[in-house]
mmCIF file of all heavy atoms, coordinates in Angstrom:
data_MODEL
# 
_entry.id   MODEL 
# 
loop_
_atom_site.group_PDB 
_atom_site.id 
_atom_site.type_symbol 
_atom_site.label_atom_id 
_atom_site.label_alt_id 
_atom_site.label_comp_id 
_atom_site.label_asym_id 
_atom_site.label_entity_id 
_atom_site.label_seq_id 
_atom_site.pdbx_PDB_ins_code 
_atom_site.Cartn_x 
_atom_site.Cartn_y 
_atom_site.Cartn_z 
_atom_site.occupancy 
_atom_site.B_iso_or_equiv 
_atom_site.pdbx_formal_charge 
_atom_site.auth_seq_id 
_atom_site.auth_comp_id 
_atom_site.auth_asym_id 
_atom_site.auth_atom_id 
_atom_site.pdbx_PDB_model_num 
ATOM 1   N N   . ASP A 1 1  ? 29.969 15.677 -48.878 1.00 0.00 ? 1  ASP A N   1 
ATOM 2   C CA  . ASP A 1 1  ? 31.519 15.696 -48.610 1.00 0.00 ? 1  ASP A CA  1 
ATOM 3   C C   . ASP A 1 1  ? 32.163 14.690 -49.614 1.00 0.00 ? 1  ASP A C   1 
ATOM 4   O O   . ASP A 1 1  ? 33.230 15.071 -50.232 1.00 0.00 ? 1  ASP A O   1 
ATOM 5   C CB  . ASP A 1 1  ? 31.900 15.118 -47.118 1.00 0.00 ? 1  ASP A CB  1 
ATOM 6   C CG  . ASP A 1 1  ? 31.607 16.283 -46.115 1.00 0.00 ? 1  ASP A CG  1 
ATOM 7   O OD1 . ASP A 1 1  ? 31.476 17.476 -46.487 1.00 0.00 ? 1  ASP A OD1 1 
ATOM 8   O OD2 . ASP A 1 1  ? 31.431 15.934 -44.921 1.00 0.00 ? 1  ASP A OD2 1 
ATOM 9   N N   . ARG A 1 2  ? 31.534 13.602 -49.860 1.00 0.00 ? 2  ARG A N   1 
ATOM 10  C CA  . ARG A 1 2  ? 32.070 12.666 -50.813 1.00 0.00 ? 2  ARG A CA  1 
ATOM 11  C C   . ARG A 1 2  ? 32.162 13.154 -52.171 1.00 0.00 ? 2  ARG A C   1 
ATOM 12  O O   . ARG A 1 2  ? 33.089 12.867 -52.950 1.00 0.00 ? 2  ARG A O   1 
ATOM 13  C CB  . ARG A 1 2  ? 31.230 11.385 -50.728 1.00 0.00 ? 2  ARG A CB  1 
ATOM 14  C CG  . ARG A 1 2  ? 31.854 10.150 -51.428 1.00 0.00 ? 2  ARG A CG  1 
ATOM 15  C CD  . ARG A 1 2  ? 30.860 8.906  -51.275 1.00 0.00 ? 2  ARG A CD  1 
ATOM 16  N NE  . ARG A 1 2  ? 30.414 8.717  -49.901 1.00 0.00 ? 2  ARG A NE  1 
ATOM 17  C CZ  . ARG A 1 2  ? 29.278 8.191  -49.704 1.00 0.00 ? 2  ARG A CZ  1 
ATOM 18  N NH1 . ARG A 1 2  ? 28.471 7.640  -50.621 1.00 0.00 ? 2  ARG A NH1 1 
ATOM 19  N NH2 . ARG A 1 2  ? 28.910 8.192  -48.360 1.00 0.00 ? 2  ARG A NH2 1 
ATOM 20  N N   . GLU A 1 3  ? 31.202 14.031 -52.591 1.00 0.00 ? 3  GLU A N   1 
ATOM 21  C CA  . GLU A 1 3  ? 31.238 14.582 -53.954 1.00 0.00 ? 3  GLU A CA  1 
ATOM 22  C C   . GLU A 1 3  ? 32.037 15.894 -53.974 1.00 0.00 ? 3  GLU A C   1 
ATOM 23  O O   . GLU A 1 3  ? 31.987 16.593 -55.012 1.00 0.00 ? 3  GLU A O   1 
ATOM 24  C CB  . GLU A 1 3  ? 29.759 14.759 -54.344 1.00 0.00 ? 3  GLU A CB  1 
ATOM 25  C CG  . GLU A 1 3  ? 29.010 13.493 -54.415 1.00 0.00 ? 3  GLU A CG  1 
ATOM 26  C CD  . GLU A 1 3  ? 29.608 12.386 -55.342 1.00 0.00 ? 3  GLU A CD  1 
ATOM 27  O OE1 . GLU A 1 3  ? 30.433 12.757 -56.284 1.00 0.00 ? 3  GLU A OE1 1 
ATOM 28  O OE2 . GLU A 1 3  ? 29.298 11.327 -55.245 1.00 0.00 ? 3  GLU A OE2 1 
ATOM 29  N N   . GLY A 1 4  ? 32.534 16.399 -52.850 1.00 0.00 ? 4  GLY A N   1 
ATOM 30  C CA  . GLY A 1 4  ? 33.223 17.688 -52.871 1.00 0.00 ? 4  GLY A CA  1 
ATOM 31  C C   . GLY A 1 4  ? 32.278 18.967 -52.920 1.00 0.00 ? 4  GLY A C   1 
ATOM 32  O O   . GLY A 1 4  ? 32.748 20.000 -53.430 1.00 0.00 ? 4  GLY A O   1 
ATOM 33  N N   . ILE A 1 5  ? 31.091 18.788 -52.654 1.00 0.00 ? 5  ILE A N   1 
ATOM 34  C CA  . ILE A 1 5  ? 30.107 19.938 -52.827 1.00 0.00 ? 5  ILE A CA  1 
ATOM 35  C C   . ILE A 1 5  ? 30.230 20.716 -51.497 1.00 0.00 ? 5  ILE A C   1 
ATOM 36  O O   . ILE A 1 5  ? 29.968 20.262 -50.434 1.00 0.00 ? 5  ILE A O   1 
ATOM 37  C CB  . ILE A 1 5  ? 28.719 19.410 -53.080 1.00 0.00 ? 5  ILE A CB  1 
ATOM 38  C CG1 . ILE A 1 5  ? 28.669 18.674 -54.479 1.00 0.00 ? 5  ILE A CG1 1 
ATOM 39  C CG2 . ILE A 1 5  ? 27.691 20.493 -53.101 1.00 0.00 ? 5  ILE A CG2 1 
ATOM 40  C CD1 . ILE A 1 5  ? 27.347 18.023 -54.639 1.00 0.00 ? 5  ILE A CD1 1 
ATOM 41  N N   . PRO A 1 6  ? 30.432 22.074 -51.447 1.00 0.00 ? 6  PRO A N   1 
ATOM 42  C CA  . PRO A 1 6  ? 30.672 22.831 -50.335 1.00 0.00 ? 6  PRO A CA  1 
ATOM 43  C C   . PRO A 1 6  ? 29.446 23.104 -49.509 1.00 0.00 ? 6  PRO A C   1 
ATOM 44  O O   . PRO A 1 6  ? 28.374 23.491 -50.101 1.00 0.00 ? 6  PRO A O   1 
ATOM 45  C CB  . PRO A 1 6  ? 31.345 24.068 -50.885 1.00 0.00 ? 6  PRO A CB  1 
ATOM 46  C CG  . PRO A 1 6  ? 30.731 24.264 -52.160 1.00 0.00 ? 6  PRO A CG  1 
ATOM 47  C CD  . PRO A 1 6  ? 30.647 22.922 -52.848 1.00 0.00 ? 6  PRO A CD  1 
ATOM 48  N N   . HIS A 1 7  ? 29.591 22.842 -48.286 1.00 0.00 ? 7  HIS A N   1 
ATOM 49  C CA  . HIS A 1 7  ? 28.482 23.222 -47.285 1.00 0.00 ? 7  HIS A CA  1 
ATOM 50  C C   . HIS A 1 7  ? 29.127 23.701 -45.982 1.00 0.00 ? 7  HIS A C   1 
ATOM 51  O O   . HIS A 1 7  ? 30.211 23.255 -45.631 1.00 0.00 ? 7  HIS A O   1 
ATOM 52  C CB  . HIS A 1 7  ? 27.617 22.085 -47.102 1.00 0.00 ? 7  HIS A CB  1 
ATOM 53  C CG  . HIS A 1 7  ? 28.203 20.849 -46.501 1.00 0.00 ? 7  HIS A CG  1 
ATOM 54  N ND1 . HIS A 1 7  ? 28.313 20.499 -45.175 1.00 0.00 ? 7  HIS A ND1 1 
ATOM 55  C CD2 . HIS A 1 7  ? 28.926 19.841 -47.168 1.00 0.00 ? 7  HIS A CD2 1 
ATOM 56  C CE1 . HIS A 1 7  ? 28.950 19.455 -45.013 1.00 0.00 ? 7  HIS A CE1 1 
ATOM 57  N NE2 . HIS A 1 7  ? 29.365 19.023 -46.042 1.00 0.00 ? 7  HIS A NE2 1 
ATOM 58  N N   . MET A 1 8  ? 28.468 24.618 -45.328 1.00 0.00 ? 8  MET A N   1 
ATOM 59  C CA  . MET A 1 8  ? 28.927 25.170 -44.131 1.00 0.00 ? 8  MET A CA  1 
ATOM 60  C C   . MET A 1 8  ? 28.777 24.225 -42.972 1.00 0.00 ? 8  MET A C   1 
ATOM 61  O O   . MET A 1 8  ? 27.744 23.672 -42.710 1.00 0.00 ? 8  MET A O   1 
ATOM 62  C CB  . MET A 1 8  ? 28.119 26.432 -43.820 1.00 0.00 ? 8  MET A CB  1 
ATOM 63  C CG  . MET A 1 8  ? 28.368 27.441 -44.837 1.00 0.00 ? 8  MET A CG  1 
ATOM 64  S SD  . MET A 1 8  ? 27.492 29.064 -44.527 1.00 0.00 ? 8  MET A SD  1 
ATOM 65  C CE  . MET A 1 8  ? 28.533 29.593 -43.116 1.00 0.00 ? 8  MET A CE  1 
ATOM 66  N N   . ALA A 1 9  ? 29.822 23.935 -42.244 1.00 0.00 ? 9  ALA A N   1 
ATOM 67  C CA  . ALA A 1 9  ? 29.858 23.046 -41.043 1.00 0.00 ? 9  ALA A CA  1 
ATOM 68  C C   . ALA A 1 9  ? 29.163 23.860 -39.989 1.00 0.00 ? 9  ALA A C   1 
ATOM 69  O O   . ALA A 1 9  ? 29.342 24.988 -39.683 1.00 0.00 ? 9  ALA A O   1 
ATOM 70  C CB  . ALA A 1 9  ? 31.327 22.836 -40.640 1.00 0.00 ? 9  ALA A CB  1 
ATOM 71  N N   . ASN A 1 10 ? 28.318 23.107 -39.308 1.00 0.00 ? 10 ASN A N   1 
ATOM 72  C CA  . ASN A 1 10 ? 27.669 23.503 -38.051 1.00 0.00 ? 10 ASN A CA  1 
ATOM 73  C C   . ASN A 1 10 ? 27.137 22.325 -37.379 1.00 0.00 ? 10 ASN A C   1 
ATOM 74  O O   . ASN A 1 10 ? 27.175 21.228 -37.824 1.00 0.00 ? 10 ASN A O   1 
ATOM 75  C CB  . ASN A 1 10 ? 26.509 24.548 -38.446 1.00 0.00 ? 10 ASN A CB  1 
ATOM 76  C CG  . ASN A 1 10 ? 25.346 23.882 -39.337 1.00 0.00 ? 10 ASN A CG  1 
ATOM 77  O OD1 . ASN A 1 10 ? 24.886 22.890 -39.098 1.00 0.00 ? 10 ASN A OD1 1 
ATOM 78  N ND2 . ASN A 1 10 ? 25.047 24.622 -40.431 1.00 0.00 ? 10 ASN A ND2 1 
ATOM 79  N N   . ASP A 1 11 ? 26.556 22.551 -36.196 1.00 0.00 ? 11 ASP A N   1 
ATOM 80  C CA  . ASP A 1 11 ? 25.969 21.526 -35.303 1.00 0.00 ? 11 ASP A CA  1 
ATOM 81  C C   . ASP A 1 11 ? 24.430 21.513 -35.231 1.00 0.00 ? 11 ASP A C   1 
ATOM 82  O O   . ASP A 1 11 ? 23.834 20.912 -34.358 1.00 0.00 ? 11 ASP A O   1 
ATOM 83  C CB  . ASP A 1 11 ? 26.516 21.835 -33.845 1.00 0.00 ? 11 ASP A CB  1 
ATOM 84  C CG  . ASP A 1 11 ? 27.965 21.650 -33.668 1.00 0.00 ? 11 ASP A CG  1 
ATOM 85  O OD1 . ASP A 1 11 ? 28.602 20.756 -34.321 1.00 0.00 ? 11 ASP A OD1 1 
ATOM 86  O OD2 . ASP A 1 11 ? 28.591 22.469 -32.992 1.00 0.00 ? 11 ASP A OD2 1 
ATOM 87  N N   . SER A 1 12 ? 23.902 22.023 -36.418 1.00 0.00 ? 12 SER A N   1 
ATOM 88  C CA  . SER A 1 12 ? 22.370 22.080 -36.446 1.00 0.00 ? 12 SER A CA  1 
ATOM 89  C C   . SER A 1 12 ? 21.861 21.209 -37.636 1.00 0.00 ? 12 SER A C   1 
ATOM 90  O O   . SER A 1 12 ? 22.614 20.452 -38.206 1.00 0.00 ? 12 SER A O   1 
ATOM 91  C CB  . SER A 1 12 ? 21.862 23.426 -36.531 1.00 0.00 ? 12 SER A CB  1 
ATOM 92  O OG  . SER A 1 12 ? 22.060 23.950 -37.856 1.00 0.00 ? 12 SER A OG  1 
ATOM 93  N N   . HIS A 1 13 ? 20.657 21.360 -37.785 1.00 0.00 ? 13 HIS A N   1 
ATOM 94  C CA  . HIS A 1 13 ? 19.895 20.566 -38.872 1.00 0.00 ? 13 HIS A CA  1 
ATOM 95  C C   . HIS A 1 13 ? 19.893 21.356 -40.162 1.00 0.00 ? 13 HIS A C   1 
ATOM 96  O O   . HIS A 1 13 ? 19.222 20.763 -41.269 1.00 0.00 ? 13 HIS A O   1 
ATOM 97  C CB  . HIS A 1 13 ? 18.425 20.291 -38.442 1.00 0.00 ? 13 HIS A CB  1 
ATOM 98  C CG  . HIS A 1 13 ? 17.746 21.648 -38.017 1.00 0.00 ? 13 HIS A CG  1 
ATOM 99  N ND1 . HIS A 1 13 ? 18.008 22.363 -36.943 1.00 0.00 ? 13 HIS A ND1 1 
ATOM 100 C CD2 . HIS A 1 13 ? 16.832 22.355 -38.769 1.00 0.00 ? 13 HIS A CD2 1 
ATOM 101 C CE1 . HIS A 1 13 ? 17.288 23.462 -36.942 1.00 0.00 ? 13 HIS A CE1 1 
ATOM 102 N NE2 . HIS A 1 13 ? 16.513 23.491 -38.031 1.00 0.00 ? 13 HIS A NE2 1 
ATOM 103 N N   . ILE A 1 14 ? 20.484 22.438 -40.297 1.00 0.00 ? 14 ILE A N   1 
ATOM 104 C CA  . ILE A 1 14 ? 20.436 23.317 -41.402 1.00 0.00 ? 14 ILE A CA  1 
ATOM 105 C C   . ILE A 1 14 ? 21.744 23.085 -42.229 1.00 0.00 ? 14 ILE A C   1 
ATOM 106 O O   . ILE A 1 14 ? 22.813 23.209 -41.648 1.00 0.00 ? 14 ILE A O   1 
ATOM 107 C CB  . ILE A 1 14 ? 20.208 24.780 -41.026 1.00 0.00 ? 14 ILE A CB  1 
ATOM 108 C CG1 . ILE A 1 14 ? 18.938 24.897 -40.324 1.00 0.00 ? 14 ILE A CG1 1 
ATOM 109 C CG2 . ILE A 1 14 ? 20.464 25.657 -42.257 1.00 0.00 ? 14 ILE A CG2 1 
ATOM 110 C CD1 . ILE A 1 14 ? 18.762 26.375 -39.659 1.00 0.00 ? 14 ILE A CD1 1 
ATOM 111 N N   . VAL A 1 15 ? 21.601 22.783 -43.538 1.00 0.00 ? 15 VAL A N   1 
ATOM 112 C CA  . VAL A 1 15 ? 22.792 22.505 -44.417 1.00 0.00 ? 15 VAL A CA  1 
ATOM 113 C C   . VAL A 1 15 ? 22.783 23.592 -45.473 1.00 0.00 ? 15 VAL A C   1 
ATOM 114 O O   . VAL A 1 15 ? 22.133 23.537 -46.436 1.00 0.00 ? 15 VAL A O   1 
ATOM 115 C CB  . VAL A 1 15 ? 22.579 21.100 -44.975 1.00 0.00 ? 15 VAL A CB  1 
ATOM 116 C CG1 . VAL A 1 15 ? 23.876 20.781 -45.859 1.00 0.00 ? 15 VAL A CG1 1 
ATOM 117 C CG2 . VAL A 1 15 ? 22.373 20.051 -43.965 1.00 0.00 ? 15 VAL A CG2 1 
ATOM 118 N N   . PRO A 1 16 ? 23.674 24.628 -45.234 1.00 0.00 ? 16 PRO A N   1 
ATOM 119 C CA  . PRO A 1 16 ? 23.843 25.646 -46.288 1.00 0.00 ? 16 PRO A CA  1 
ATOM 120 C C   . PRO A 1 16 ? 24.900 25.251 -47.263 1.00 0.00 ? 16 PRO A C   1 
ATOM 121 O O   . PRO A 1 16 ? 26.002 24.942 -47.036 1.00 0.00 ? 16 PRO A O   1 
ATOM 122 C CB  . PRO A 1 16 ? 24.272 26.896 -45.555 1.00 0.00 ? 16 PRO A CB  1 
ATOM 123 C CG  . PRO A 1 16 ? 24.193 26.566 -44.037 1.00 0.00 ? 16 PRO A CG  1 
ATOM 124 C CD  . PRO A 1 16 ? 24.365 24.976 -43.924 1.00 0.00 ? 16 PRO A CD  1 
ATOM 125 N N   . VAL A 1 17 ? 24.443 25.170 -48.619 1.00 0.00 ? 17 VAL A N   1 
ATOM 126 C CA  . VAL A 1 17 ? 25.305 24.944 -49.704 1.00 0.00 ? 17 VAL A CA  1 
ATOM 127 C C   . VAL A 1 17 ? 25.738 26.246 -50.393 1.00 0.00 ? 17 VAL A C   1 
ATOM 128 O O   . VAL A 1 17 ? 24.858 26.823 -50.979 1.00 0.00 ? 17 VAL A O   1 
ATOM 129 C CB  . VAL A 1 17 ? 24.760 23.844 -50.636 1.00 0.00 ? 17 VAL A CB  1 
ATOM 130 C CG1 . VAL A 1 17 ? 25.592 23.752 -51.930 1.00 0.00 ? 17 VAL A CG1 1 
ATOM 131 C CG2 . VAL A 1 17 ? 24.496 22.591 -50.071 1.00 0.00 ? 17 VAL A CG2 1 
ATOM 132 N N   . LEU A 1 18 ? 26.889 26.670 -50.270 1.00 0.00 ? 18 LEU A N   1 
ATOM 133 C CA  . LEU A 1 18 ? 27.492 27.866 -50.600 1.00 0.00 ? 18 LEU A CA  1 
ATOM 134 C C   . LEU A 1 18 ? 27.666 27.952 -52.111 1.00 0.00 ? 18 LEU A C   1 
ATOM 135 O O   . LEU A 1 18 ? 28.293 27.073 -52.634 1.00 0.00 ? 18 LEU A O   1 
ATOM 136 C CB  . LEU A 1 18 ? 28.642 28.353 -49.969 1.00 0.00 ? 18 LEU A CB  1 
ATOM 137 C CG  . LEU A 1 18 ? 28.595 28.605 -48.405 1.00 0.00 ? 18 LEU A CG  1 
ATOM 138 C CD1 . LEU A 1 18 ? 29.941 28.912 -47.826 1.00 0.00 ? 18 LEU A CD1 1 
ATOM 139 C CD2 . LEU A 1 18 ? 27.657 29.869 -48.196 1.00 0.00 ? 18 LEU A CD2 1 
ATOM 140 N N   . ILE A 1 19 ? 27.209 29.028 -52.827 1.00 0.00 ? 19 ILE A N   1 
ATOM 141 C CA  . ILE A 1 19 ? 27.307 29.254 -54.284 1.00 0.00 ? 19 ILE A CA  1 
ATOM 142 C C   . ILE A 1 19 ? 27.995 30.622 -54.468 1.00 0.00 ? 19 ILE A C   1 
ATOM 143 O O   . ILE A 1 19 ? 28.823 30.854 -55.367 1.00 0.00 ? 19 ILE A O   1 
ATOM 144 C CB  . ILE A 1 19 ? 26.005 29.108 -55.058 1.00 0.00 ? 19 ILE A CB  1 
ATOM 145 C CG1 . ILE A 1 19 ? 25.672 27.643 -54.885 1.00 0.00 ? 19 ILE A CG1 1 
ATOM 146 C CG2 . ILE A 1 19 ? 26.338 29.458 -56.540 1.00 0.00 ? 19 ILE A CG2 1 
ATOM 147 C CD1 . ILE A 1 19 ? 24.147 27.351 -55.369 1.00 0.00 ? 19 ILE A CD1 1 
ATOM 148 N N   . LYS A 1 20 ? 27.639 31.575 -53.647 1.00 0.00 ? 20 LYS A N   1 
ATOM 149 C CA  . LYS A 1 20 ? 28.287 32.925 -53.633 1.00 0.00 ? 20 LYS A CA  1 
ATOM 150 C C   . LYS A 1 20 ? 28.027 33.769 -54.897 1.00 0.00 ? 20 LYS A C   1 
ATOM 151 O O   . LYS A 1 20 ? 28.767 34.717 -55.068 1.00 0.00 ? 20 LYS A O   1 
ATOM 152 C CB  . LYS A 1 20 ? 29.866 32.762 -53.337 1.00 0.00 ? 20 LYS A CB  1 
ATOM 153 C CG  . LYS A 1 20 ? 30.128 32.013 -52.155 1.00 0.00 ? 20 LYS A CG  1 
ATOM 154 C CD  . LYS A 1 20 ? 31.694 31.860 -51.921 1.00 0.00 ? 20 LYS A CD  1 
ATOM 155 C CE  . LYS A 1 20 ? 31.939 31.049 -50.672 1.00 0.00 ? 20 LYS A CE  1 
ATOM 156 N NZ  . LYS A 1 20 ? 33.452 30.941 -50.467 1.00 0.00 ? 20 LYS A NZ  1 
ATOM 157 N N   . ASP A 1 21 ? 27.023 33.495 -55.587 1.00 0.00 ? 21 ASP A N   1 
ATOM 158 C CA  . ASP A 1 21 ? 26.671 34.292 -56.796 1.00 0.00 ? 21 ASP A CA  1 
ATOM 159 C C   . ASP A 1 21 ? 25.197 34.247 -56.916 1.00 0.00 ? 21 ASP A C   1 
ATOM 160 O O   . ASP A 1 21 ? 24.685 33.142 -57.005 1.00 0.00 ? 21 ASP A O   1 
ATOM 161 C CB  . ASP A 1 21 ? 27.447 33.753 -57.966 1.00 0.00 ? 21 ASP A CB  1 
ATOM 162 C CG  . ASP A 1 21 ? 27.030 34.561 -59.200 1.00 0.00 ? 21 ASP A CG  1 
ATOM 163 O OD1 . ASP A 1 21 ? 26.035 34.237 -59.810 1.00 0.00 ? 21 ASP A OD1 1 
ATOM 164 O OD2 . ASP A 1 21 ? 27.924 35.388 -59.515 1.00 0.00 ? 21 ASP A OD2 1 
ATOM 165 N N   . PRO A 1 22 ? 24.532 35.426 -56.970 1.00 0.00 ? 22 PRO A N   1 
ATOM 166 C CA  . PRO A 1 22 ? 22.982 35.319 -56.952 1.00 0.00 ? 22 PRO A CA  1 
ATOM 167 C C   . PRO A 1 22 ? 22.480 34.692 -58.253 1.00 0.00 ? 22 PRO A C   1 
ATOM 168 O O   . PRO A 1 22 ? 21.555 34.046 -58.258 1.00 0.00 ? 22 PRO A O   1 
ATOM 169 C CB  . PRO A 1 22 ? 22.623 36.673 -56.829 1.00 0.00 ? 22 PRO A CB  1 
ATOM 170 C CG  . PRO A 1 22 ? 23.804 37.608 -57.261 1.00 0.00 ? 22 PRO A CG  1 
ATOM 171 C CD  . PRO A 1 22 ? 25.095 36.823 -56.867 1.00 0.00 ? 22 PRO A CD  1 
ATOM 172 N N   . VAL A 1 23 ? 23.147 35.018 -59.377 1.00 0.00 ? 23 VAL A N   1 
ATOM 173 C CA  . VAL A 1 23 ? 22.666 34.520 -60.598 1.00 0.00 ? 23 VAL A CA  1 
ATOM 174 C C   . VAL A 1 23 ? 22.840 32.991 -60.756 1.00 0.00 ? 23 VAL A C   1 
ATOM 175 O O   . VAL A 1 23 ? 21.947 32.263 -61.070 1.00 0.00 ? 23 VAL A O   1 
ATOM 176 C CB  . VAL A 1 23 ? 23.291 35.164 -61.819 1.00 0.00 ? 23 VAL A CB  1 
ATOM 177 C CG1 . VAL A 1 23 ? 22.908 34.640 -63.162 1.00 0.00 ? 23 VAL A CG1 1 
ATOM 178 C CG2 . VAL A 1 23 ? 22.993 36.641 -61.786 1.00 0.00 ? 23 VAL A CG2 1 
ATOM 179 N N   . LYS A 1 24 ? 23.934 32.550 -60.354 1.00 0.00 ? 24 LYS A N   1 
ATOM 180 C CA  . LYS A 1 24 ? 24.233 31.092 -60.353 1.00 0.00 ? 24 LYS A CA  1 
ATOM 181 C C   . LYS A 1 24 ? 23.333 30.303 -59.391 1.00 0.00 ? 24 LYS A C   1 
ATOM 182 O O   . LYS A 1 24 ? 22.857 29.180 -59.737 1.00 0.00 ? 24 LYS A O   1 
ATOM 183 C CB  . LYS A 1 24 ? 25.748 30.739 -60.200 1.00 0.00 ? 24 LYS A CB  1 
ATOM 184 C CG  . LYS A 1 24 ? 26.563 31.082 -61.287 1.00 0.00 ? 24 LYS A CG  1 
ATOM 185 C CD  . LYS A 1 24 ? 28.032 30.606 -61.039 1.00 0.00 ? 24 LYS A CD  1 
ATOM 186 C CE  . LYS A 1 24 ? 28.908 30.977 -62.185 1.00 0.00 ? 24 LYS A CE  1 
ATOM 187 N NZ  . LYS A 1 24 ? 30.352 30.495 -61.899 1.00 0.00 ? 24 LYS A NZ  1 
ATOM 188 N N   . THR A 1 25 ? 23.065 30.978 -58.347 1.00 0.00 ? 25 THR A N   1 
ATOM 189 C CA  . THR A 1 25 ? 22.169 30.315 -57.253 1.00 0.00 ? 25 THR A CA  1 
ATOM 190 C C   . THR A 1 25 ? 20.895 30.186 -57.808 1.00 0.00 ? 25 THR A C   1 
ATOM 191 O O   . THR A 1 25 ? 20.204 29.030 -57.688 1.00 0.00 ? 25 THR A O   1 
ATOM 192 C CB  . THR A 1 25 ? 22.248 31.154 -55.948 1.00 0.00 ? 25 THR A CB  1 
ATOM 193 O OG1 . THR A 1 25 ? 23.523 31.350 -55.424 1.00 0.00 ? 25 THR A OG1 1 
ATOM 194 C CG2 . THR A 1 25 ? 21.429 30.482 -54.864 1.00 0.00 ? 25 THR A CG2 1 
# 
């Protein structure tokens, strides 16, 4: 959050960082 890197909010231990492009990922 401090660095502005997007991740999906949830209540679990899994932290998905979204990129939305297969090549860039």
